[in-house]
Structures are given as structure tokens and as C-alpha cells.
Amino acid sequence: MLEEDNLKADIVHMPVGLFTKDAKTIAESLASEEVSPHGPAAGMRMLSFYLTSSSRFLSPSRRRALEKARTLLSARVEEALKKEERKKIA
């Protein structure tokens, strides 16, 4: 039973059409535990993968929105890293 619980925690539940939304919504969603159970860095990897794999098919405005989401999510990743460092010190 314990193994099943661990497996469920590793599943990514990304909302359908997430990358078509505004930058703030994308960043918040990818930083959430529901979507990225391993933290915002996992969400950053998902966003980076999407950008690199679909970049030639994106309109300039969509690309800008996704780049802005990357910037917002990057700030969340930095916050999480600082929080982890503080936990290790304490």
C-alpha cells in the first residue's frame, strides 16, 4: 500500500491547455504541488521541454507569454532553493 501512495505522489497532473493560458497562471500552476509534486524545479523542466520542443510552431506572442512564465517560475524556483537552504541550516 505504501508503494502505491509513493507512486501516486510522483504522477504529474497538468491541466489540459495549461500552456495556452496567461504567464502568471502557467507559472503558478507549474509551481503547485498538484502539478509538480517534486517542486517548482520540476515545473520549470516541463516548461523548458515544452518551449524547446514546440518553439518553431509558436506565435511570437505565445512565445513571449511562455518566456514570461519561465521568468516568473524561475523566481519561484529560487525561493524554493533558498527555503531548502534555510531548512538545512536550522
N, C-alpha and C. Protein backbone atom coordinates (compact mmCIF):
# COMPACT_ATOMS: atom_id res chain seq x y z
N MET A 1 0.83 -1.20 0.00
CA MET A 1 0.00 0.00 0.00
C MET A 1 0.87 1.25 0.00
N LEU A 2 1.93 1.23 0.78
CA LEU A 2 2.81 2.38 0.87
C LEU A 2 3.44 2.70 -0.48
N GLU A 3 3.80 1.66 -1.23
CA GLU A 3 4.38 1.86 -2.55
C GLU A 3 3.40 2.54 -3.49
N GLU A 4 2.12 2.17 -3.41
CA GLU A 4 1.10 2.79 -4.25
C GLU A 4 0.98 4.28 -3.94
N ASP A 5 1.05 4.64 -2.67
CA ASP A 5 0.97 6.04 -2.27
C ASP A 5 2.14 6.83 -2.85
N ASN A 6 3.33 6.24 -2.81
CA ASN A 6 4.51 6.90 -3.37
C ASN A 6 4.38 7.08 -4.87
N LEU A 7 3.85 6.09 -5.54
CA LEU A 7 3.67 6.19 -6.99
C LEU A 7 2.68 7.29 -7.34
N LYS A 8 1.61 7.41 -6.58
CA LYS A 8 0.62 8.44 -6.83
C LYS A 8 1.21 9.83 -6.65
N ALA A 9 2.12 9.99 -5.72
CA ALA A 9 2.73 11.29 -5.47
C ALA A 9 3.64 11.72 -6.62
N ASP A 10 4.11 10.75 -7.41
CA ASP A 10 5.02 11.07 -8.50
C ASP A 10 4.30 11.42 -9.80
N ILE A 11 3.01 11.19 -9.86
CA ILE A 11 2.26 11.44 -11.09
C ILE A 11 2.05 12.94 -11.26
N VAL A 12 2.26 13.40 -12.48
CA VAL A 12 2.07 14.82 -12.80
C VAL A 12 0.67 15.00 -13.36
N HIS A 13 -0.07 15.92 -12.80
CA HIS A 13 -1.43 16.20 -13.25
C HIS A 13 -1.49 17.61 -13.82
N MET A 14 -1.04 17.75 -15.04
CA MET A 14 -1.04 19.06 -15.68
C MET A 14 -2.41 19.31 -16.30
N PRO A 15 -3.01 20.46 -16.01
CA PRO A 15 -4.32 20.77 -16.59
C PRO A 15 -4.25 20.84 -18.12
N VAL A 16 -5.30 20.38 -18.76
CA VAL A 16 -5.37 20.42 -20.22
C VAL A 16 -5.35 21.88 -20.67
N GLY A 17 -4.55 22.17 -21.66
CA GLY A 17 -4.47 23.52 -22.21
C GLY A 17 -3.71 24.51 -21.35
N LEU A 18 -2.92 24.03 -20.41
CA LEU A 18 -2.20 24.93 -19.50
C LEU A 18 -1.33 25.92 -20.25
N PHE A 19 -0.61 25.46 -21.26
CA PHE A 19 0.34 26.33 -21.95
C PHE A 19 -0.33 27.35 -22.88
N THR A 20 -1.66 27.34 -22.95
CA THR A 20 -2.38 28.35 -23.74
C THR A 20 -2.88 29.49 -22.85
N LYS A 21 -2.66 29.38 -21.56
CA LYS A 21 -3.14 30.39 -20.61
C LYS A 21 -2.11 31.52 -20.45
N ASP A 22 -2.43 32.49 -19.61
CA ASP A 22 -1.52 33.62 -19.39
C ASP A 22 -0.31 33.18 -18.56
N ALA A 23 0.74 33.98 -18.60
CA ALA A 23 2.02 33.64 -17.97
C ALA A 23 1.89 33.39 -16.47
N LYS A 24 1.15 34.22 -15.77
CA LYS A 24 1.01 34.08 -14.32
C LYS A 24 0.33 32.76 -13.96
N THR A 25 -0.72 32.41 -14.69
CA THR A 25 -1.43 31.16 -14.44
C THR A 25 -0.53 29.95 -14.70
N ILE A 26 0.25 30.01 -15.78
CA ILE A 26 1.16 28.92 -16.11
C ILE A 26 2.18 28.74 -14.99
N ALA A 27 2.80 29.84 -14.58
CA ALA A 27 3.83 29.77 -13.54
C ALA A 27 3.26 29.26 -12.22
N GLU A 28 2.11 29.77 -11.82
CA GLU A 28 1.50 29.34 -10.55
C GLU A 28 1.12 27.86 -10.60
N SER A 29 0.58 27.44 -11.72
CA SER A 29 0.17 26.05 -11.85
C SER A 29 1.37 25.10 -11.82
N LEU A 30 2.42 25.44 -12.57
CA LEU A 30 3.60 24.59 -12.62
C LEU A 30 4.37 24.58 -11.29
N ALA A 31 4.19 25.60 -10.47
CA ALA A 31 4.85 25.64 -9.17
C ALA A 31 4.04 24.92 -8.10
N SER A 32 2.79 24.59 -8.40
CA SER A 32 1.93 23.96 -7.39
C SER A 32 2.29 22.49 -7.19
N GLU A 33 1.98 21.98 -6.02
CA GLU A 33 2.28 20.59 -5.69
C GLU A 33 1.41 19.62 -6.48
N GLU A 34 0.21 20.05 -6.87
CA GLU A 34 -0.67 19.17 -7.63
C GLU A 34 -0.07 18.84 -9.00
N VAL A 35 0.54 19.83 -9.62
CA VAL A 35 1.12 19.64 -10.95
C VAL A 35 2.55 19.13 -10.85
N SER A 36 3.32 19.70 -9.95
CA SER A 36 4.73 19.35 -9.81
C SER A 36 5.01 18.87 -8.39
N PRO A 37 4.74 17.59 -8.11
CA PRO A 37 4.93 17.11 -6.74
C PRO A 37 6.37 17.16 -6.26
N HIS A 38 7.33 17.31 -7.17
CA HIS A 38 8.74 17.39 -6.77
C HIS A 38 9.22 18.82 -6.68
N GLY A 39 8.31 19.78 -6.67
CA GLY A 39 8.66 21.18 -6.51
C GLY A 39 8.66 21.96 -7.81
N PRO A 40 8.85 23.27 -7.70
CA PRO A 40 8.78 24.13 -8.88
C PRO A 40 9.87 23.87 -9.91
N ALA A 41 10.97 23.27 -9.50
CA ALA A 41 12.03 22.96 -10.47
C ALA A 41 11.52 21.93 -11.50
N ALA A 42 10.69 21.01 -11.06
CA ALA A 42 10.10 20.03 -11.99
C ALA A 42 9.18 20.75 -12.97
N GLY A 43 8.45 21.73 -12.49
CA GLY A 43 7.60 22.53 -13.37
C GLY A 43 8.43 23.31 -14.39
N MET A 44 9.58 23.79 -13.94
CA MET A 44 10.48 24.52 -14.85
C MET A 44 10.98 23.58 -15.95
N ARG A 45 11.29 22.36 -15.59
CA ARG A 45 11.74 21.39 -16.60
C ARG A 45 10.63 21.12 -17.61
N MET A 46 9.38 21.01 -17.14
CA MET A 46 8.26 20.78 -18.05
C MET A 46 8.10 21.95 -19.02
N LEU A 47 8.18 23.16 -18.48
CA LEU A 47 8.03 24.35 -19.31
C LEU A 47 9.18 24.45 -20.31
N SER A 48 10.38 24.20 -19.88
CA SER A 48 11.53 24.26 -20.77
C SER A 48 11.42 23.22 -21.88
N PHE A 49 10.98 22.02 -21.52
CA PHE A 49 10.80 20.98 -22.53
C PHE A 49 9.76 21.42 -23.56
N TYR A 50 8.65 21.96 -23.07
CA TYR A 50 7.60 22.41 -23.99
C TYR A 50 8.12 23.51 -24.92
N LEU A 51 8.85 24.47 -24.36
CA LEU A 51 9.39 25.56 -25.18
C LEU A 51 10.36 25.05 -26.24
N THR A 52 11.24 24.15 -25.88
CA THR A 52 12.22 23.67 -26.86
C THR A 52 11.58 22.76 -27.91
N SER A 53 10.60 21.98 -27.51
CA SER A 53 10.01 21.04 -28.46
C SER A 53 8.98 21.68 -29.38
N SER A 54 8.41 22.80 -28.98
CA SER A 54 7.36 23.41 -29.80
C SER A 54 7.71 24.81 -30.26
N SER A 55 8.92 25.25 -30.03
CA SER A 55 9.27 26.65 -30.29
C SER A 55 9.03 27.09 -31.73
N ARG A 56 9.28 26.23 -32.68
CA ARG A 56 9.12 26.65 -34.08
C ARG A 56 7.66 26.75 -34.49
N PHE A 57 6.75 26.20 -33.68
CA PHE A 57 5.33 26.25 -34.00
C PHE A 57 4.58 27.35 -33.24
N LEU A 58 5.26 28.05 -32.35
CA LEU A 58 4.61 29.06 -31.52
C LEU A 58 4.58 30.42 -32.20
N SER A 59 3.50 31.14 -31.99
CA SER A 59 3.44 32.52 -32.49
C SER A 59 4.35 33.37 -31.60
N PRO A 60 4.79 34.52 -32.11
CA PRO A 60 5.64 35.38 -31.27
C PRO A 60 4.98 35.79 -29.96
N SER A 61 3.69 36.06 -29.97
CA SER A 61 3.02 36.48 -28.73
C SER A 61 2.94 35.32 -27.74
N ARG A 62 2.68 34.10 -28.22
CA ARG A 62 2.62 32.94 -27.34
C ARG A 62 4.00 32.65 -26.77
N ARG A 63 5.02 32.79 -27.59
CA ARG A 63 6.41 32.57 -27.14
C ARG A 63 6.77 33.57 -26.04
N ARG A 64 6.37 34.84 -26.22
CA ARG A 64 6.64 35.86 -25.19
C ARG A 64 5.94 35.51 -23.88
N ALA A 65 4.70 35.05 -23.97
CA ALA A 65 3.95 34.68 -22.77
C ALA A 65 4.63 33.52 -22.05
N LEU A 66 5.10 32.54 -22.80
CA LEU A 66 5.77 31.40 -22.19
C LEU A 66 7.12 31.79 -21.60
N GLU A 67 7.82 32.70 -22.24
CA GLU A 67 9.10 33.18 -21.70
C GLU A 67 8.86 33.97 -20.41
N LYS A 68 7.77 34.73 -20.37
CA LYS A 68 7.43 35.46 -19.14
C LYS A 68 7.09 34.46 -18.02
N ALA A 69 6.37 33.41 -18.38
CA ALA A 69 6.06 32.36 -17.39
C ALA A 69 7.34 31.72 -16.88
N ARG A 70 8.30 31.53 -17.76
CA ARG A 70 9.60 30.96 -17.36
C ARG A 70 10.29 31.88 -16.36
N THR A 71 10.24 33.18 -16.59
CA THR A 71 10.84 34.15 -15.67
C THR A 71 10.15 34.11 -14.31
N LEU A 72 8.82 34.10 -14.32
CA LEU A 72 8.06 34.04 -13.07
C LEU A 72 8.34 32.73 -12.31
N LEU A 73 8.38 31.64 -13.04
CA LEU A 73 8.63 30.35 -12.42
C LEU A 73 10.06 30.25 -11.90
N SER A 74 10.98 30.88 -12.59
CA SER A 74 12.37 30.90 -12.14
C SER A 74 12.48 31.55 -10.76
N ALA A 75 11.72 32.61 -10.55
CA ALA A 75 11.71 33.26 -9.24
C ALA A 75 11.19 32.31 -8.17
N ARG A 76 10.18 31.51 -8.51
CA ARG A 76 9.64 30.53 -7.57
C ARG A 76 10.68 29.46 -7.25
N VAL A 77 11.42 29.03 -8.26
CA VAL A 77 12.46 28.02 -8.06
C VAL A 77 13.53 28.57 -7.12
N GLU A 78 13.95 29.83 -7.33
CA GLU A 78 14.94 30.46 -6.45
C GLU A 78 14.44 30.52 -5.02
N GLU A 79 13.16 30.88 -4.83
CA GLU A 79 12.57 30.92 -3.49
C GLU A 79 12.64 29.54 -2.83
N ALA A 80 12.27 28.52 -3.59
CA ALA A 80 12.27 27.16 -3.05
C ALA A 80 13.68 26.72 -2.67
N LEU A 81 14.67 27.08 -3.48
CA LEU A 81 16.05 26.72 -3.16
C LEU A 81 16.53 27.41 -1.89
N LYS A 82 16.18 28.69 -1.75
CA LYS A 82 16.57 29.42 -0.54
C LYS A 82 15.89 28.82 0.69
N LYS A 83 14.63 28.43 0.53
CA LYS A 83 13.89 27.82 1.63
C LYS A 83 14.55 26.51 2.06
N GLU A 84 14.98 25.71 1.08
CA GLU A 84 15.66 24.45 1.38
C GLU A 84 16.97 24.69 2.10
N GLU A 85 17.72 25.72 1.67
CA GLU A 85 18.99 26.04 2.33
C GLU A 85 18.76 26.43 3.78
N ARG A 86 17.70 27.23 4.02
CA ARG A 86 17.40 27.64 5.40
C ARG A 86 17.03 26.44 6.26
N LYS A 87 16.33 25.46 5.68
CA LYS A 87 15.97 24.27 6.45
C LYS A 87 17.20 23.47 6.82
N LYS A 88 18.18 23.40 5.91
CA LYS A 88 19.40 22.64 6.19
C LYS A 88 20.23 23.30 7.29
N ILE A 89 20.22 24.62 7.33
CA ILE A 89 20.98 25.36 8.34
C ILE A 89 20.35 25.20 9.71
N ALA A 90 19.03 25.25 9.75
CA ALA A 90 18.31 25.19 11.04
C ALA A 90 18.35 23.85 11.71
